[in-house]
Structures are given as structure tokens and as C-alpha cells.
Amino acid sequence: MYHEKLAIWKLSCELSVATYHQSKSINDFGFKNQITRSALSVPSNIAEGMERDSQQEKYRFLSIAKASLGEYKTQLIIGQRVGFLEDSFAKSSIIKADKLSKMIGKLMKSVKEKSQT
């Protein structure tokens, strides 16, 4: 599977796993469900997109992954502010999410250029 070799997939999986571990003790089911779902959505959509045949479909799923990453980052910020998430976890995850967003953006640009040729 091609997606398993991608740095963006590996990093997004790491973030997702870390989020599941970090959120084990959160008692607010709504928040816990939302942050784990958005974290899981990122590597899942990267994988699905990279398994698609057309460049347009790859781009679409990478776009969804990037949007889920924005949602995830927002939840990290809110989770930190309300005390659901440890400061160190939230801060390091936000940095990784920003890095990942840039990486996905670069891949999207490459995929888009391939679709135009």
C-alpha cells in the first residue's frame, strides 16, 4: 500500500494514536468522541485518497484530510483551554498539526499539477 510509505500518513497516524491515549481519561463523551474522530479522519482520508485512481479523487480526499486537521487543531486548542488536555500534549500536537497541514498542502499542489498535465 503506497499510503503507508508517506510521511504525512505516518505523522497523522502518530497524532491519532497519541490523541486516543491522551483522551482515555476525558469524561466528556462529546468532546472525546469529536477529537478522536477528527484525529482518525486525517490518516483515513489520506489512505483513501492515495488508493484512488484519479488525481482529482486523490486531491479531494487530501483536501478532506486537511480540513479534518483544521478541525482537530481547533479541538486541541479548546481541549487545552478547558483543561481536558495536558498543555504539553496540546502544544506539541498543534505544532505537529501545523507541520502536517503544510505537508498535505504541498502534496495537494503536486497532485493538482499532475491532474493538469
N, C-alpha and C. Protein backbone atom coordinates (compact mmCIF):
# COMPACT_ATOMS: atom_id res chain seq x y z
N MET A 1 0.84 -1.19 0.00
CA MET A 1 0.00 0.00 0.00
C MET A 1 0.88 1.25 0.00
N TYR A 2 0.68 2.06 -0.96
CA TYR A 2 1.50 3.25 -1.15
C TYR A 2 1.39 4.24 0.01
N HIS A 3 0.18 4.45 0.52
CA HIS A 3 -0.01 5.48 1.54
C HIS A 3 0.79 5.22 2.81
N GLU A 4 1.08 3.95 3.12
CA GLU A 4 1.81 3.61 4.33
C GLU A 4 3.27 4.08 4.29
N LYS A 5 3.74 4.43 3.11
CA LYS A 5 5.11 4.92 2.96
C LYS A 5 5.20 6.44 3.09
N LEU A 6 4.06 7.10 3.04
CA LEU A 6 4.04 8.57 3.06
C LEU A 6 4.29 9.13 4.46
N ALA A 7 5.16 10.13 4.53
CA ALA A 7 5.44 10.78 5.82
C ALA A 7 4.17 11.41 6.40
N ILE A 8 3.29 11.93 5.54
CA ILE A 8 2.07 12.56 6.05
C ILE A 8 1.13 11.53 6.68
N TRP A 9 1.10 10.35 6.12
CA TRP A 9 0.26 9.29 6.70
C TRP A 9 0.85 8.83 8.02
N LYS A 10 2.15 8.64 8.07
CA LYS A 10 2.81 8.19 9.30
C LYS A 10 2.62 9.20 10.43
N LEU A 11 2.85 10.47 10.14
CA LEU A 11 2.70 11.51 11.16
C LEU A 11 1.25 11.63 11.61
N SER A 12 0.32 11.55 10.68
CA SER A 12 -1.09 11.66 11.06
C SER A 12 -1.53 10.46 11.89
N CYS A 13 -0.99 9.28 11.62
CA CYS A 13 -1.28 8.10 12.46
C CYS A 13 -0.73 8.31 13.87
N GLU A 14 0.49 8.83 13.96
CA GLU A 14 1.08 9.10 15.27
C GLU A 14 0.20 10.06 16.07
N LEU A 15 -0.28 11.11 15.42
CA LEU A 15 -1.15 12.06 16.10
C LEU A 15 -2.45 11.41 16.56
N SER A 16 -3.01 10.58 15.71
CA SER A 16 -4.26 9.91 16.04
C SER A 16 -4.08 8.98 17.24
N VAL A 17 -3.05 8.17 17.22
CA VAL A 17 -2.79 7.24 18.32
C VAL A 17 -2.55 8.01 19.62
N ALA A 18 -1.73 9.04 19.55
CA ALA A 18 -1.45 9.85 20.74
C ALA A 18 -2.72 10.48 21.30
N THR A 19 -3.61 10.90 20.41
CA THR A 19 -4.87 11.50 20.84
C THR A 19 -5.74 10.49 21.56
N TYR A 20 -5.81 9.28 21.04
CA TYR A 20 -6.57 8.22 21.72
C TYR A 20 -6.01 7.96 23.12
N HIS A 21 -4.69 7.89 23.23
CA HIS A 21 -4.08 7.67 24.54
C HIS A 21 -4.36 8.84 25.49
N GLN A 22 -4.20 10.05 24.99
CA GLN A 22 -4.37 11.24 25.80
C GLN A 22 -5.83 11.41 26.25
N SER A 23 -6.75 10.96 25.45
CA SER A 23 -8.17 11.22 25.76
C SER A 23 -8.84 10.11 26.57
N LYS A 24 -8.09 9.09 26.95
CA LYS A 24 -8.67 7.97 27.71
C LYS A 24 -9.41 8.42 28.96
N SER A 25 -8.88 9.41 29.65
CA SER A 25 -9.47 9.82 30.93
C SER A 25 -10.49 10.96 30.80
N ILE A 26 -10.75 11.42 29.59
CA ILE A 26 -11.73 12.50 29.41
C ILE A 26 -13.13 11.94 29.62
N ASN A 27 -13.87 12.55 30.51
CA ASN A 27 -15.23 12.09 30.83
C ASN A 27 -16.31 12.72 29.96
N ASP A 28 -15.98 13.81 29.28
CA ASP A 28 -16.95 14.46 28.40
C ASP A 28 -16.98 13.68 27.08
N PHE A 29 -18.00 12.83 26.94
CA PHE A 29 -18.08 11.95 25.78
C PHE A 29 -18.13 12.72 24.48
N GLY A 30 -18.88 13.81 24.43
CA GLY A 30 -19.00 14.59 23.19
C GLY A 30 -17.66 15.10 22.71
N PHE A 31 -16.90 15.69 23.62
CA PHE A 31 -15.58 16.21 23.24
C PHE A 31 -14.64 15.06 22.86
N LYS A 32 -14.61 14.03 23.69
CA LYS A 32 -13.73 12.89 23.44
C LYS A 32 -14.03 12.25 22.09
N ASN A 33 -15.30 12.07 21.79
CA ASN A 33 -15.71 11.48 20.52
C ASN A 33 -15.30 12.37 19.35
N GLN A 34 -15.50 13.66 19.49
CA GLN A 34 -15.20 14.58 18.39
C GLN A 34 -13.71 14.67 18.09
N ILE A 35 -12.89 14.78 19.12
CA ILE A 35 -11.45 14.94 18.88
C ILE A 35 -10.84 13.64 18.35
N THR A 36 -11.30 12.50 18.85
CA THR A 36 -10.76 11.25 18.32
C THR A 36 -11.22 10.99 16.90
N ARG A 37 -12.45 11.38 16.59
CA ARG A 37 -12.95 11.20 15.22
C ARG A 37 -12.21 12.09 14.23
N SER A 38 -11.96 13.36 14.61
CA SER A 38 -11.24 14.23 13.68
C SER A 38 -9.80 13.77 13.52
N ALA A 39 -9.18 13.30 14.61
CA ALA A 39 -7.80 12.79 14.51
C ALA A 39 -7.73 11.54 13.64
N LEU A 40 -8.71 10.67 13.76
CA LEU A 40 -8.77 9.44 12.96
C LEU A 40 -9.07 9.73 11.49
N SER A 41 -9.80 10.80 11.25
CA SER A 41 -10.19 11.15 9.89
C SER A 41 -8.99 11.53 9.01
N VAL A 42 -7.99 12.12 9.61
CA VAL A 42 -6.84 12.60 8.81
C VAL A 42 -6.11 11.44 8.12
N PRO A 43 -5.56 10.46 8.86
CA PRO A 43 -4.86 9.38 8.15
C PRO A 43 -5.81 8.52 7.31
N SER A 44 -7.06 8.41 7.74
CA SER A 44 -8.02 7.61 6.98
C SER A 44 -8.28 8.21 5.61
N ASN A 45 -8.44 9.52 5.55
CA ASN A 45 -8.69 10.17 4.27
C ASN A 45 -7.44 10.24 3.40
N ILE A 46 -6.28 10.34 4.02
CA ILE A 46 -5.03 10.28 3.24
C ILE A 46 -4.94 8.91 2.58
N ALA A 47 -5.17 7.86 3.36
CA ALA A 47 -5.10 6.50 2.82
C ALA A 47 -6.12 6.29 1.71
N GLU A 48 -7.35 6.71 1.96
CA GLU A 48 -8.38 6.52 0.94
C GLU A 48 -8.06 7.29 -0.34
N GLY A 49 -7.61 8.51 -0.19
CA GLY A 49 -7.27 9.31 -1.36
C GLY A 49 -6.14 8.73 -2.17
N MET A 50 -5.10 8.26 -1.49
CA MET A 50 -3.95 7.74 -2.20
C MET A 50 -4.23 6.39 -2.87
N GLU A 51 -5.31 5.73 -2.46
CA GLU A 51 -5.71 4.48 -3.10
C GLU A 51 -6.66 4.71 -4.28
N ARG A 52 -7.07 5.94 -4.49
CA ARG A 52 -7.96 6.26 -5.62
C ARG A 52 -7.16 6.31 -6.91
N ASP A 53 -7.87 6.10 -8.01
CA ASP A 53 -7.21 6.04 -9.31
C ASP A 53 -6.92 7.42 -9.91
N SER A 54 -7.86 8.33 -9.78
CA SER A 54 -7.67 9.62 -10.46
C SER A 54 -7.01 10.65 -9.54
N GLN A 55 -6.31 11.57 -10.18
CA GLN A 55 -5.66 12.65 -9.43
C GLN A 55 -6.70 13.55 -8.76
N GLN A 56 -7.84 13.75 -9.42
CA GLN A 56 -8.90 14.57 -8.85
C GLN A 56 -9.43 13.96 -7.56
N GLU A 57 -9.60 12.65 -7.54
CA GLU A 57 -10.08 11.98 -6.33
C GLU A 57 -9.03 12.04 -5.22
N LYS A 58 -7.77 11.86 -5.58
CA LYS A 58 -6.69 11.97 -4.60
C LYS A 58 -6.71 13.35 -3.97
N TYR A 59 -6.83 14.36 -4.82
CA TYR A 59 -6.85 15.74 -4.33
C TYR A 59 -8.04 15.96 -3.39
N ARG A 60 -9.19 15.45 -3.77
CA ARG A 60 -10.41 15.63 -2.96
C ARG A 60 -10.23 15.04 -1.56
N PHE A 61 -9.70 13.83 -1.48
CA PHE A 61 -9.54 13.20 -0.17
C PHE A 61 -8.42 13.85 0.64
N LEU A 62 -7.38 14.33 -0.01
CA LEU A 62 -6.34 15.08 0.70
C LEU A 62 -6.93 16.37 1.25
N SER A 63 -7.81 17.00 0.49
CA SER A 63 -8.49 18.21 0.94
C SER A 63 -9.35 17.93 2.18
N ILE A 64 -10.04 16.81 2.18
CA ILE A 64 -10.85 16.42 3.34
C ILE A 64 -9.94 16.17 4.55
N ALA A 65 -8.81 15.51 4.32
CA ALA A 65 -7.86 15.25 5.41
C ALA A 65 -7.36 16.57 5.99
N LYS A 66 -7.05 17.51 5.13
CA LYS A 66 -6.54 18.82 5.58
C LYS A 66 -7.61 19.56 6.37
N ALA A 67 -8.85 19.47 5.93
CA ALA A 67 -9.95 20.11 6.65
C ALA A 67 -10.16 19.46 8.02
N SER A 68 -10.07 18.14 8.07
CA SER A 68 -10.19 17.43 9.35
C SER A 68 -9.06 17.84 10.29
N LEU A 69 -7.91 18.09 9.73
CA LEU A 69 -6.77 18.54 10.53
C LEU A 69 -7.04 19.91 11.15
N GLY A 70 -7.69 20.78 10.40
CA GLY A 70 -8.08 22.08 10.96
C GLY A 70 -9.07 21.92 12.10
N GLU A 71 -10.01 21.00 11.93
CA GLU A 71 -10.97 20.69 12.99
C GLU A 71 -10.25 20.14 14.21
N TYR A 72 -9.34 19.23 13.99
CA TYR A 72 -8.56 18.62 15.07
C TYR A 72 -7.76 19.68 15.83
N LYS A 73 -7.12 20.57 15.11
CA LYS A 73 -6.32 21.61 15.75
C LYS A 73 -7.21 22.50 16.62
N THR A 74 -8.38 22.84 16.13
CA THR A 74 -9.32 23.64 16.91
C THR A 74 -9.70 22.92 18.21
N GLN A 75 -9.93 21.63 18.11
CA GLN A 75 -10.30 20.85 19.29
C GLN A 75 -9.14 20.75 20.27
N LEU A 76 -7.91 20.69 19.76
CA LEU A 76 -6.75 20.72 20.65
C LEU A 76 -6.70 22.01 21.45
N ILE A 77 -6.92 23.11 20.76
CA ILE A 77 -6.88 24.42 21.42
C ILE A 77 -7.97 24.51 22.48
N ILE A 78 -9.17 24.12 22.13
CA ILE A 78 -10.29 24.19 23.08
C ILE A 78 -10.06 23.20 24.23
N GLY A 79 -9.63 21.98 23.91
CA GLY A 79 -9.36 20.99 24.94
C GLY A 79 -8.31 21.43 25.93
N GLN A 80 -7.31 22.13 25.44
CA GLN A 80 -6.27 22.67 26.32
C GLN A 80 -6.85 23.77 27.21
N ARG A 81 -7.62 24.65 26.62
CA ARG A 81 -8.17 25.79 27.37
C ARG A 81 -9.16 25.37 28.46
N VAL A 82 -9.91 24.31 28.21
CA VAL A 82 -10.89 23.87 29.22
C VAL A 82 -10.30 22.85 30.19
N GLY A 83 -9.06 22.45 29.97
CA GLY A 83 -8.38 21.55 30.89
C GLY A 83 -8.57 20.08 30.61
N PHE A 84 -9.10 19.73 29.45
CA PHE A 84 -9.25 18.31 29.09
C PHE A 84 -7.92 17.69 28.67
N LEU A 85 -7.05 18.49 28.07
CA LEU A 85 -5.79 18.01 27.53
C LEU A 85 -4.61 18.65 28.25
N GLU A 86 -3.57 17.86 28.46
CA GLU A 86 -2.35 18.39 29.07
C GLU A 86 -1.75 19.45 28.14
N ASP A 87 -1.22 20.51 28.74
CA ASP A 87 -0.63 21.59 27.95
C ASP A 87 0.46 21.09 27.02
N SER A 88 1.35 20.24 27.53
CA SER A 88 2.47 19.77 26.71
C SER A 88 1.98 18.96 25.51
N PHE A 89 0.96 18.13 25.73
CA PHE A 89 0.40 17.35 24.63
C PHE A 89 -0.24 18.26 23.60
N ALA A 90 -1.06 19.19 24.07
CA ALA A 90 -1.76 20.08 23.14
C ALA A 90 -0.78 20.92 22.34
N LYS A 91 0.20 21.50 23.01
CA LYS A 91 1.18 22.36 22.32
C LYS A 91 1.98 21.57 21.28
N SER A 92 2.47 20.39 21.64
CA SER A 92 3.27 19.62 20.68
C SER A 92 2.40 19.11 19.53
N SER A 93 1.15 18.77 19.83
CA SER A 93 0.25 18.29 18.77
C SER A 93 -0.13 19.41 17.82
N ILE A 94 -0.29 20.62 18.33
CA ILE A 94 -0.59 21.77 17.48
C ILE A 94 0.58 22.04 16.53
N ILE A 95 1.78 21.95 17.04
CA ILE A 95 2.97 22.14 16.20
C ILE A 95 3.02 21.07 15.11
N LYS A 96 2.77 19.81 15.49
CA LYS A 96 2.77 18.73 14.51
C LYS A 96 1.64 18.89 13.49
N ALA A 97 0.48 19.36 13.96
CA ALA A 97 -0.65 19.57 13.06
C ALA A 97 -0.34 20.66 12.04
N ASP A 98 0.31 21.73 12.49
CA ASP A 98 0.71 22.80 11.56
C ASP A 98 1.69 22.27 10.51
N LYS A 99 2.66 21.49 10.97
CA LYS A 99 3.65 20.89 10.04
C LYS A 99 2.94 19.96 9.05
N LEU A 100 2.05 19.15 9.56
CA LEU A 100 1.32 18.21 8.72
C LEU A 100 0.44 18.94 7.70
N SER A 101 -0.18 20.02 8.11
CA SER A 101 -1.01 20.80 7.20
C SER A 101 -0.20 21.32 6.01
N LYS A 102 1.00 21.79 6.29
CA LYS A 102 1.88 22.27 5.22
C LYS A 102 2.28 21.12 4.30
N MET A 103 2.58 19.98 4.89
CA MET A 103 2.97 18.81 4.10
C MET A 103 1.84 18.34 3.19
N ILE A 104 0.62 18.30 3.74
CA ILE A 104 -0.54 17.90 2.93
C ILE A 104 -0.76 18.91 1.81
N GLY A 105 -0.62 20.19 2.13
CA GLY A 105 -0.77 21.24 1.13
C GLY A 105 0.20 21.07 -0.03
N LYS A 106 1.44 20.72 0.28
CA LYS A 106 2.43 20.50 -0.78
C LYS A 106 2.07 19.30 -1.64
N LEU A 107 1.60 18.24 -1.00
CA LEU A 107 1.19 17.06 -1.77
C LEU A 107 -0.02 17.39 -2.63
N MET A 108 -0.95 18.16 -2.09
CA MET A 108 -2.13 18.56 -2.87
C MET A 108 -1.71 19.35 -4.11
N LYS A 109 -0.75 20.23 -3.94
CA LYS A 109 -0.26 21.02 -5.07
C LYS A 109 0.34 20.11 -6.14
N SER A 110 1.11 19.13 -5.71
CA SER A 110 1.72 18.19 -6.64
C SER A 110 0.66 17.36 -7.37
N VAL A 111 -0.32 16.89 -6.62
CA VAL A 111 -1.40 16.10 -7.22
C VAL A 111 -2.19 16.94 -8.23
N LYS A 112 -2.44 18.19 -7.87
CA LYS A 112 -3.17 19.09 -8.77
C LYS A 112 -2.40 19.35 -10.06
N GLU A 113 -1.09 19.52 -9.92
CA GLU A 113 -0.27 19.74 -11.12
C GLU A 113 -0.28 18.51 -12.02
N LYS A 114 -0.26 17.33 -11.43
CA LYS A 114 -0.32 16.09 -12.23
C LYS A 114 -1.65 15.95 -12.95
N SER A 115 -2.71 16.43 -12.31
CA SER A 115 -4.04 16.31 -12.93
C SER A 115 -4.21 17.26 -14.11
N GLN A 116 -3.38 18.30 -14.17
CA GLN A 116 -3.48 19.28 -15.24
C GLN A 116 -2.59 18.96 -16.42
N THR A 117 -1.82 17.90 -16.31
CA THR A 117 -0.93 17.55 -17.43
C THR A 117 -1.51 16.43 -18.26
